[in-house]
Amino acid sequence: MTAIEIGGMEDHVHALITLPSTLSLSKAMQLLKGNSSKWIHETFPERQAFEWQEGYGAFSIGVSGIETTVDYIKRQGEHHRQRSFKEELIEFLKKHNQSYDDTMLD
């Protein structure tokens, strides 16, 4: 697993990563969440209450989309001054004809 770009806001994180064919997405998320939680707890003792939410969202992109996606991740602050993460995600899911359960987005 290789991180290309990671960034986010107070309530969510975006990570553009490459996964080898031998690593499932669920295992990658388990490793990312587990290792980052350990690092946060060890590095910031005042953040002992930190925990990740149970779920996650994952989307694949082609090689031609890397530059645009990196730029998107770097500009999260700008995106969310105009609309919330939840609003943006719902718009994205609808645009790509993806069904969702509203309770997944809380």
C-alpha atoms as a PDB file:
ATOM      1  CA  MET A   1       0.000   0.000   0.000  1.00  0.00           C
ATOM      2  CA  THR A   2       1.365   3.405  -0.960  1.00  0.00           C
ATOM      3  CA  ALA A   3      -0.066   6.779   0.043  1.00  0.00           C
ATOM      4  CA  ILE A   4      -0.134   9.296  -2.793  1.00  0.00           C
ATOM      5  CA  GLU A   5      -1.988  12.091  -0.937  1.00  0.00           C
ATOM      6  CA  ILE A   6      -3.721  12.336   2.439  1.00  0.00           C
ATOM      7  CA  GLY A   7      -5.674  15.260   3.822  1.00  0.00           C
ATOM      8  CA  GLY A   8      -8.978  16.217   5.289  1.00  0.00           C
ATOM      9  CA  MET A   9     -11.024  18.245   7.675  1.00  0.00           C
ATOM     10  CA  GLU A  10     -12.142  17.984  11.290  1.00  0.00           C
ATOM     11  CA  ASP A  11     -14.791  15.366  10.481  1.00  0.00           C
ATOM     12  CA  HIS A  12     -13.295  13.297   7.670  1.00  0.00           C
ATOM     13  CA  VAL A  13     -10.119  12.281   5.853  1.00  0.00           C
ATOM     14  CA  HIS A  14      -9.383  11.641   2.197  1.00  0.00           C
ATOM     15  CA  ALA A  15      -6.559   9.286   1.314  1.00  0.00           C
ATOM     16  CA  LEU A  16      -5.468   8.529  -2.229  1.00  0.00           C
ATOM     17  CA  ILE A  17      -3.642   5.222  -2.008  1.00  0.00           C
ATOM     18  CA  THR A  18      -2.527   2.456  -4.294  1.00  0.00           C
ATOM     19  CA  LEU A  19      -3.244  -1.109  -3.245  1.00  0.00           C
ATOM     20  CA  PRO A  20      -1.389  -4.175  -4.433  1.00  0.00           C
ATOM     21  CA  SER A  21      -3.619  -6.899  -5.842  1.00  0.00           C
ATOM     22  CA  THR A  22      -2.817  -9.045  -2.792  1.00  0.00           C
ATOM     23  CA  LEU A  23      -4.323  -6.556  -0.312  1.00  0.00           C
ATOM     24  CA  SER A  24      -8.083  -6.242   0.035  1.00  0.00           C
ATOM     25  CA  LEU A  25      -9.666  -2.852   0.583  1.00  0.00           C
ATOM     26  CA  SER A  26     -11.111  -3.933   3.936  1.00  0.00           C
ATOM     27  CA  LYS A  27      -7.681  -5.075   5.149  1.00  0.00           C
ATOM     28  CA  ALA A  28      -6.113  -1.808   3.939  1.00  0.00           C
ATOM     29  CA  MET A  29      -8.692   0.201   5.884  1.00  0.00           C
ATOM     30  CA  GLN A  30      -8.131  -1.939   8.974  1.00  0.00           C
ATOM     31  CA  LEU A  31      -4.387  -1.249   8.749  1.00  0.00           C
ATOM     32  CA  LEU A  32      -4.823   2.478   8.084  1.00  0.00           C
ATOM     33  CA  LYS A  33      -7.306   3.012  10.889  1.00  0.00           C
ATOM     34  CA  GLY A  34      -5.486   0.794  13.386  1.00  0.00           C
ATOM     35  CA  ASN A  35      -2.011   2.194  12.773  1.00  0.00           C
ATOM     36  CA  SER A  36      -3.170   5.810  12.664  1.00  0.00           C
ATOM     37  CA  SER A  37      -5.177   5.388  15.899  1.00  0.00           C
ATOM     38  CA  LYS A  38      -2.116   3.933  17.609  1.00  0.00           C
ATOM     39  CA  TRP A  39       0.032   6.827  16.355  1.00  0.00           C
ATOM     40  CA  ILE A  40      -2.508   9.449  17.484  1.00  0.00           C
ATOM     41  CA  HIS A  41      -2.837   7.922  20.951  1.00  0.00           C
ATOM     42  CA  GLU A  42       0.939   7.637  21.391  1.00  0.00           C
ATOM     43  CA  THR A  43       1.777  11.056  19.939  1.00  0.00           C
ATOM     44  CA  PHE A  44      -1.078  13.081  21.417  1.00  0.00           C
ATOM     45  CA  PRO A  45      -1.869  11.770  24.915  1.00  0.00           C
ATOM     46  CA  GLU A  46      -4.668  14.331  25.239  1.00  0.00           C
ATOM     47  CA  ARG A  47      -6.454  12.592  22.322  1.00  0.00           C
ATOM     48  CA  GLN A  48      -6.985   9.237  24.037  1.00  0.00           C
ATOM     49  CA  ALA A  49     -10.698   9.450  23.242  1.00  0.00           C
ATOM     50  CA  PHE A  50     -10.012   9.560  19.492  1.00  0.00           C
ATOM     51  CA  GLU A  51     -11.596   6.764  17.469  1.00  0.00           C
ATOM     52  CA  TRP A  52     -12.535   6.225  13.848  1.00  0.00           C
ATOM     53  CA  GLN A  53     -16.136   5.732  12.819  1.00  0.00           C
ATOM     54  CA  GLU A  54     -17.118   2.172  11.984  1.00  0.00           C
ATOM     55  CA  GLY A  55     -17.488   2.517   8.220  1.00  0.00           C
ATOM     56  CA  TYR A  56     -15.674   4.095   5.313  1.00  0.00           C
ATOM     57  CA  GLY A  57     -16.241   5.067   1.708  1.00  0.00           C
ATOM     58  CA  ALA A  58     -13.951   3.992  -1.108  1.00  0.00           C
ATOM     59  CA  PHE A  59     -13.835   4.964  -4.748  1.00  0.00           C
ATOM     60  CA  SER A  60     -11.452   3.864  -7.471  1.00  0.00           C
ATOM     61  CA  ILE A  61      -9.935   6.178 -10.053  1.00  0.00           C
ATOM     62  CA  GLY A  62      -7.887   5.691 -13.188  1.00  0.00           C
ATOM     63  CA  VAL A  63      -4.296   6.831 -13.583  1.00  0.00           C
ATOM     64  CA  SER A  64      -5.537   9.852 -15.538  1.00  0.00           C
ATOM     65  CA  GLY A  65      -7.494  11.001 -12.459  1.00  0.00           C
ATOM     66  CA  ILE A  66      -4.571  11.137 -10.036  1.00  0.00           C
ATOM     67  CA  GLU A  67      -3.665  14.804 -10.562  1.00  0.00           C
ATOM     68  CA  THR A  68      -7.269  15.984 -10.207  1.00  0.00           C
ATOM     69  CA  THR A  69      -7.798  13.847  -7.106  1.00  0.00           C
ATOM     70  CA  VAL A  70      -4.590  15.088  -5.441  1.00  0.00           C
ATOM     71  CA  ASP A  71      -5.702  18.669  -6.118  1.00  0.00           C
ATOM     72  CA  TYR A  72      -9.160  17.904  -4.681  1.00  0.00           C
ATOM     73  CA  ILE A  73      -7.641  16.479  -1.491  1.00  0.00           C
ATOM     74  CA  LYS A  74      -5.325  19.460  -1.076  1.00  0.00           C
ATOM     75  CA  ARG A  75      -8.245  21.914  -1.408  1.00  0.00           C
ATOM     76  CA  GLN A  76     -10.643  20.434   1.147  1.00  0.00           C
ATOM     77  CA  GLY A  77     -10.933  23.700   3.066  1.00  0.00           C
ATOM     78  CA  GLU A  78     -12.130  25.510  -0.050  1.00  0.00           C
ATOM     79  CA  HIS A  79     -14.636  22.774  -0.944  1.00  0.00           C
ATOM     80  CA  HIS A  80     -16.253  22.762   2.477  1.00  0.00           C
ATOM     81  CA  ARG A  81     -16.662  26.511   2.745  1.00  0.00           C
ATOM     82  CA  GLN A  82     -19.274  26.080  -0.011  1.00  0.00           C
ATOM     83  CA  ARG A  83     -20.966  22.870   1.133  1.00  0.00           C
ATOM     84  CA  SER A  84     -20.635  20.304   3.889  1.00  0.00           C
ATOM     85  CA  PHE A  85     -18.961  16.953   3.488  1.00  0.00           C
ATOM     86  CA  LYS A  86     -22.349  15.235   3.725  1.00  0.00           C
ATOM     87  CA  GLU A  87     -23.861  17.473   1.018  1.00  0.00           C
ATOM     88  CA  GLU A  88     -20.870  16.893  -1.242  1.00  0.00           C
ATOM     89  CA  LEU A  89     -20.945  13.124  -0.735  1.00  0.00           C
ATOM     90  CA  ILE A  90     -24.685  12.886  -1.469  1.00  0.00           C
ATOM     91  CA  GLU A  91     -24.200  14.938  -4.643  1.00  0.00           C
ATOM     92  CA  PHE A  92     -21.323  12.650  -5.693  1.00  0.00           C
ATOM     93  CA  LEU A  93     -23.301   9.461  -5.038  1.00  0.00           C
ATOM     94  CA  LYS A  94     -26.332  10.756  -6.949  1.00  0.00           C
ATOM     95  CA  LYS A  95     -24.157  11.908  -9.865  1.00  0.00           C
ATOM     96  CA  HIS A  96     -22.782   8.369 -10.177  1.00  0.00           C
ATOM     97  CA  ASN A  97     -26.177   6.662  -9.647  1.00  0.00           C
ATOM     98  CA  GLN A  98     -25.110   5.082  -6.361  1.00  0.00           C
ATOM     99  CA  SER A  99     -27.699   4.186  -3.763  1.00  0.00           C
ATOM    100  CA  TYR A 100     -27.041   4.985  -0.127  1.00  0.00           C
ATOM    101  CA  ASP A 101     -28.696   4.779   3.248  1.00  0.00           C
ATOM    102  CA  ASP A 102     -28.912   8.193   4.925  1.00  0.00           C
ATOM    103  CA  THR A 103     -27.906   6.614   8.251  1.00  0.00           C
ATOM    104  CA  MET A 104     -24.512   5.739   6.688  1.00  0.00           C
ATOM    105  CA  LEU A 105     -23.742   9.447   6.372  1.00  0.00           C
ATOM    106  CA  ASP A 106     -23.998  10.458  10.033  1.00  0.00           C
END
